[in-house]
Protein backbone atom coordinates (compact mmCIF):
# COMPACT_ATOMS: atom_id res chain seq x y z
CA MET A 1 -25.92 -58.90 -7.49
CA LYS A 2 -23.50 -55.97 -7.81
CA HIS A 3 -20.72 -58.16 -9.24
CA LEU A 4 -22.93 -59.52 -11.99
CA SER A 5 -21.92 -56.95 -14.59
CA ILE A 6 -18.24 -57.83 -14.10
CA TYR A 7 -18.99 -61.52 -14.56
CA VAL A 8 -20.90 -60.74 -17.70
CA PHE A 9 -17.93 -58.72 -18.97
CA ILE A 10 -15.52 -61.58 -18.24
CA PHE A 11 -17.83 -64.04 -20.01
CA ASN A 12 -18.11 -61.71 -23.05
CA LEU A 13 -14.38 -61.21 -23.20
CA LEU A 14 -13.69 -64.92 -23.00
CA PHE A 15 -16.30 -65.76 -25.48
CA TYR A 16 -15.05 -63.19 -27.98
CA SER A 17 -11.39 -64.11 -27.52
CA LEU A 18 -12.16 -67.80 -28.11
CA THR A 19 -13.90 -66.95 -31.35
CA LEU A 20 -10.84 -64.91 -32.45
CA PHE A 21 -8.78 -68.00 -32.17
CA ASN A 22 -11.29 -70.00 -34.25
CA ILE A 23 -12.66 -72.08 -31.31
CA ASP A 24 -16.24 -72.33 -32.16
CA LEU A 25 -18.35 -73.12 -29.14
CA VAL A 26 -21.75 -72.54 -30.72
CA SER A 27 -23.19 -71.99 -34.19
CA GLY A 28 -23.06 -68.70 -36.10
CA ILE A 29 -26.41 -67.20 -35.25
CA VAL A 30 -26.01 -67.98 -31.48
CA TRP A 31 -22.53 -66.51 -31.63
CA ARG A 32 -23.78 -63.27 -33.13
CA SER A 33 -26.67 -63.00 -30.73
CA VAL A 34 -24.44 -63.53 -27.68
CA LEU A 35 -21.90 -60.93 -28.90
CA ILE A 36 -24.69 -58.41 -29.44
CA THR A 37 -26.83 -58.96 -26.35
CA GLY A 38 -24.05 -59.76 -23.86
CA PRO A 39 -22.40 -56.33 -23.60
CA ILE A 40 -25.80 -54.66 -23.71
CA ILE A 41 -27.01 -56.76 -20.76
CA GLY A 42 -23.70 -56.01 -18.93
CA ILE A 43 -24.10 -52.26 -19.46
CA ILE A 44 -27.67 -52.34 -18.14
CA LEU A 45 -26.63 -54.41 -15.09
CA ALA A 46 -23.76 -52.05 -14.35
CA LEU A 47 -26.09 -49.02 -14.51
CA LEU A 48 -28.74 -50.60 -12.36
CA TYR A 49 -26.93 -52.57 -9.67
CA SER A 50 -23.30 -51.44 -9.31
CA LYS A 51 -21.84 -48.54 -7.40
CA GLY A 52 -18.40 -46.92 -7.38
CA LYS A 53 -15.53 -48.81 -8.85
CA LEU A 54 -17.63 -51.81 -9.80
CA LYS A 55 -19.81 -49.55 -11.90
CA VAL A 56 -16.79 -48.02 -13.71
CA ILE A 57 -15.25 -51.47 -14.29
CA GLY A 58 -18.52 -52.95 -15.49
CA LEU A 59 -19.37 -50.03 -17.82
CA SER A 60 -15.89 -49.66 -19.30
CA GLY A 61 -15.39 -53.38 -19.85
CA ASN A 62 -18.74 -53.99 -21.46
CA LEU A 63 -18.43 -50.84 -23.57
CA PHE A 64 -14.97 -52.09 -24.72
CA VAL A 65 -16.42 -55.44 -25.77
CA PHE A 66 -19.34 -53.66 -27.47
CA VAL A 67 -17.04 -51.38 -29.44
CA ILE A 68 -14.72 -54.20 -30.47
CA ALA A 69 -17.41 -56.75 -31.30
CA ILE A 70 -20.13 -54.58 -32.82
CA LEU A 71 -19.23 -50.98 -33.68
CA LEU A 72 -15.72 -51.51 -35.14
CA PRO A 73 -16.77 -54.21 -37.60
CA TYR A 74 -19.82 -52.22 -38.62
CA ILE A 75 -17.77 -49.09 -39.26
CA VAL A 76 -15.07 -50.97 -41.17
CA THR A 77 -17.45 -52.84 -43.43
CA THR A 78 -19.67 -49.85 -44.07
CA PHE A 79 -17.19 -47.03 -44.68
CA ILE A 80 -13.77 -48.47 -45.31
CA TRP A 81 -14.02 -51.98 -46.81
CA ASN A 82 -17.04 -51.69 -48.99
CA ARG A 83 -15.75 -53.25 -52.18
CA PRO A 84 -14.94 -56.88 -52.92
């Protein structure tokens, strides 16, 4: 159970990297929901079940995917690239 957050991080990282190379595994709405809920579930699992180095790896990895997949596109489209 304590390795589950790391497995979620690896799944999220692979899923996001495949979509960057235009390999569509699922439709658009499923893709967005996995990219939003995946890192959040990984962060919660790391906080609840991991200890020590596993907690740090799970938290930092899932936060990295969260920032790259959710926060960075939101900031760019809201504040920087807001004109057609």
